[in-house]
C-alpha cells in the first residue's frame, strides 16, 4: 500500500525555510511528530496533550526529543505552540 503525503513534506519544507534549526534537526535524523501547545498557553477547554506531556511520553519510548518553534500552513509562527521532533536513541545519524 502506498503512503500518501497529504502535504506533510511541503509543510516540513516550509518550516525549514522559516527556521534553520529545523533543517539541522532533519539533517541529524529527527522526524517531525506534531505541533503541541506549551503548557502555560494551553486553553483550559482543550483536552489534548501539551508539548511537555508529548515529550515525556516519547522519552519513555526511547526517543531523543527536540522542541522548536511551531508554524501554521502559511508559515506564520504560532506563539502558543512548539513543534516536537524525535529521533530514536542510538539511531545513526544519516
C-alpha atoms as a PDB file:
ATOM      1  CA  UNK A   1       0.000   0.000   0.000  1.00  0.00           C
ATOM      2  CA  UNK A   2       1.378   3.408  -0.989  1.00  0.00           C
ATOM      3  CA  UNK A   3       1.885   6.076   1.653  1.00  0.00           C
ATOM      4  CA  UNK A   4       0.001   9.299   0.934  1.00  0.00           C
ATOM      5  CA  UNK A   5       1.747  12.511   1.977  1.00  0.00           C
ATOM      6  CA  UNK A   6      -1.252  14.912   2.250  1.00  0.00           C
ATOM      7  CA  UNK A   7       1.177  17.861   2.131  1.00  0.00           C
ATOM      8  CA  UNK A   8       3.351  16.802   5.081  1.00  0.00           C
ATOM      9  CA  UNK A   9       6.596  17.177   3.100  1.00  0.00           C
ATOM     10  CA  UNK A  10       5.553  20.611   1.841  1.00  0.00           C
ATOM     11  CA  UNK A  11       4.733  21.671   5.416  1.00  0.00           C
ATOM     12  CA  UNK A  12       8.103  20.448   6.703  1.00  0.00           C
ATOM     13  CA  UNK A  13       9.880  22.225   3.828  1.00  0.00           C
ATOM     14  CA  UNK A  14       8.023  25.408   4.816  1.00  0.00           C
ATOM     15  CA  UNK A  15       9.147  25.050   8.445  1.00  0.00           C
ATOM     16  CA  UNK A  16      12.764  24.532   7.293  1.00  0.00           C
ATOM     17  CA  UNK A  17      12.576  27.718   5.206  1.00  0.00           C
ATOM     18  CA  UNK A  18      11.433  29.642   8.311  1.00  0.00           C
ATOM     19  CA  UNK A  19      13.789  28.103  10.892  1.00  0.00           C
ATOM     20  CA  UNK A  20      17.322  26.857  10.118  1.00  0.00           C
ATOM     21  CA  UNK A  21      17.331  24.925  13.426  1.00  0.00           C
ATOM     22  CA  UNK A  22      14.629  22.647  11.995  1.00  0.00           C
ATOM     23  CA  UNK A  23      16.796  21.955   8.961  1.00  0.00           C
ATOM     24  CA  UNK A  24      19.652  20.941  11.271  1.00  0.00           C
ATOM     25  CA  UNK A  25      17.354  18.569  13.161  1.00  0.00           C
ATOM     26  CA  UNK A  26      16.312  16.894   9.919  1.00  0.00           C
ATOM     27  CA  UNK A  27      19.977  16.594   8.917  1.00  0.00           C
ATOM     28  CA  UNK A  28      20.599  14.864  12.273  1.00  0.00           C
ATOM     29  CA  UNK A  29      17.834  12.336  11.618  1.00  0.00           C
ATOM     30  CA  UNK A  30      14.980  13.846  13.625  1.00  0.00           C
ATOM     31  CA  UNK A  31      11.371  13.388  12.469  1.00  0.00           C
ATOM     32  CA  UNK A  32       8.512  15.834  12.933  1.00  0.00           C
ATOM     33  CA  UNK A  33       5.909  14.465  15.343  1.00  0.00           C
ATOM     34  CA  UNK A  34       3.361  17.230  15.939  1.00  0.00           C
ATOM     35  CA  UNK A  35       2.749  20.788  16.999  1.00  0.00           C
ATOM     36  CA  UNK A  36       1.588  20.998  20.600  1.00  0.00           C
ATOM     37  CA  UNK A  37       0.558  23.780  22.953  1.00  0.00           C
ATOM     38  CA  UNK A  38       3.074  24.951  25.509  1.00  0.00           C
ATOM     39  CA  UNK A  39       1.768  24.044  28.986  1.00  0.00           C
ATOM     40  CA  UNK A  40       1.264  27.686  30.001  1.00  0.00           C
ATOM     41  CA  UNK A  41      -0.608  28.576  26.801  1.00  0.00           C
ATOM     42  CA  UNK A  42      -2.948  25.613  26.553  1.00  0.00           C
ATOM     43  CA  UNK A  43      -6.582  26.724  26.686  1.00  0.00           C
ATOM     44  CA  UNK A  44      -8.383  25.031  29.610  1.00  0.00           C
ATOM     45  CA  UNK A  45     -11.219  23.836  27.367  1.00  0.00           C
ATOM     46  CA  UNK A  46      -8.826  21.919  25.086  1.00  0.00           C
ATOM     47  CA  UNK A  47      -8.490  18.256  26.038  1.00  0.00           C
ATOM     48  CA  UNK A  48      -5.267  17.264  24.260  1.00  0.00           C
ATOM     49  CA  UNK A  49      -1.699  16.579  25.352  1.00  0.00           C
ATOM     50  CA  UNK A  50       0.578  19.592  25.699  1.00  0.00           C
ATOM     51  CA  UNK A  51       4.178  19.674  24.442  1.00  0.00           C
ATOM     52  CA  UNK A  52       5.549  18.680  27.855  1.00  0.00           C
ATOM     53  CA  UNK A  53       3.336  15.574  28.020  1.00  0.00           C
ATOM     54  CA  UNK A  54       4.125  14.548  24.435  1.00  0.00           C
ATOM     55  CA  UNK A  55       7.872  14.879  25.010  1.00  0.00           C
ATOM     56  CA  UNK A  56       7.850  12.927  28.268  1.00  0.00           C
ATOM     57  CA  UNK A  57       5.905  10.071  26.645  1.00  0.00           C
ATOM     58  CA  UNK A  58       8.296   9.955  23.687  1.00  0.00           C
ATOM     59  CA  UNK A  59      11.325   9.952  26.009  1.00  0.00           C
ATOM     60  CA  UNK A  60       9.871   6.959  27.866  1.00  0.00           C
ATOM     61  CA  UNK A  61       9.561   5.230  24.491  1.00  0.00           C
ATOM     62  CA  UNK A  62      13.292   5.710  23.867  1.00  0.00           C
ATOM     63  CA  UNK A  63      13.394   8.832  21.723  1.00  0.00           C
ATOM     64  CA  UNK A  64      15.638  11.868  21.867  1.00  0.00           C
ATOM     65  CA  UNK A  65      13.417  14.949  21.705  1.00  0.00           C
ATOM     66  CA  UNK A  66      13.895  18.486  20.446  1.00  0.00           C
ATOM     67  CA  UNK A  67      11.384  21.329  20.558  1.00  0.00           C
ATOM     68  CA  UNK A  68      11.345  24.152  18.017  1.00  0.00           C
ATOM     69  CA  UNK A  69       9.060  26.978  17.033  1.00  0.00           C
ATOM     70  CA  UNK A  70       5.731  25.943  15.517  1.00  0.00           C
ATOM     71  CA  UNK A  71       4.398  27.388  12.256  1.00  0.00           C
ATOM     72  CA  UNK A  72       0.991  27.303  10.608  1.00  0.00           C
ATOM     73  CA  UNK A  73       0.440  26.251   6.986  1.00  0.00           C
ATOM     74  CA  UNK A  74       1.061  29.836   5.827  1.00  0.00           C
ATOM     75  CA  UNK A  75       4.463  29.941   7.538  1.00  0.00           C
ATOM     76  CA  UNK A  76       3.411  32.251  10.359  1.00  0.00           C
ATOM     77  CA  UNK A  77       4.770  31.440  13.831  1.00  0.00           C
ATOM     78  CA  UNK A  78       2.303  30.019  16.345  1.00  0.00           C
ATOM     79  CA  UNK A  79       3.494  31.569  19.594  1.00  0.00           C
ATOM     80  CA  UNK A  80       1.422  29.321  21.871  1.00  0.00           C
ATOM     81  CA  UNK A  81       2.758  26.103  20.347  1.00  0.00           C
ATOM     82  CA  UNK A  82       6.011  24.196  19.843  1.00  0.00           C
ATOM     83  CA  UNK A  83       6.914  21.687  17.161  1.00  0.00           C
ATOM     84  CA  UNK A  84       8.002  18.331  18.592  1.00  0.00           C
ATOM     85  CA  UNK A  85      10.799  16.365  16.871  1.00  0.00           C
ATOM     86  CA  UNK A  86      12.046  12.871  17.699  1.00  0.00           C
ATOM     87  CA  UNK A  87      14.959  10.574  16.904  1.00  0.00           C
ATOM     88  CA  UNK A  88      15.337   7.027  18.186  1.00  0.00           C
ATOM     89  CA  UNK A  89      18.011   6.930  20.921  1.00  0.00           C
ATOM     90  CA  UNK A  90      21.121   5.284  19.499  1.00  0.00           C
ATOM     91  CA  UNK A  91      19.951   5.622  15.887  1.00  0.00           C
ATOM     92  CA  UNK A  92      22.762   6.530  13.498  1.00  0.00           C
ATOM     93  CA  UNK A  93      22.710   9.999  12.020  1.00  0.00           C
ATOM     94  CA  UNK A  94      22.004   9.988   8.267  1.00  0.00           C
END
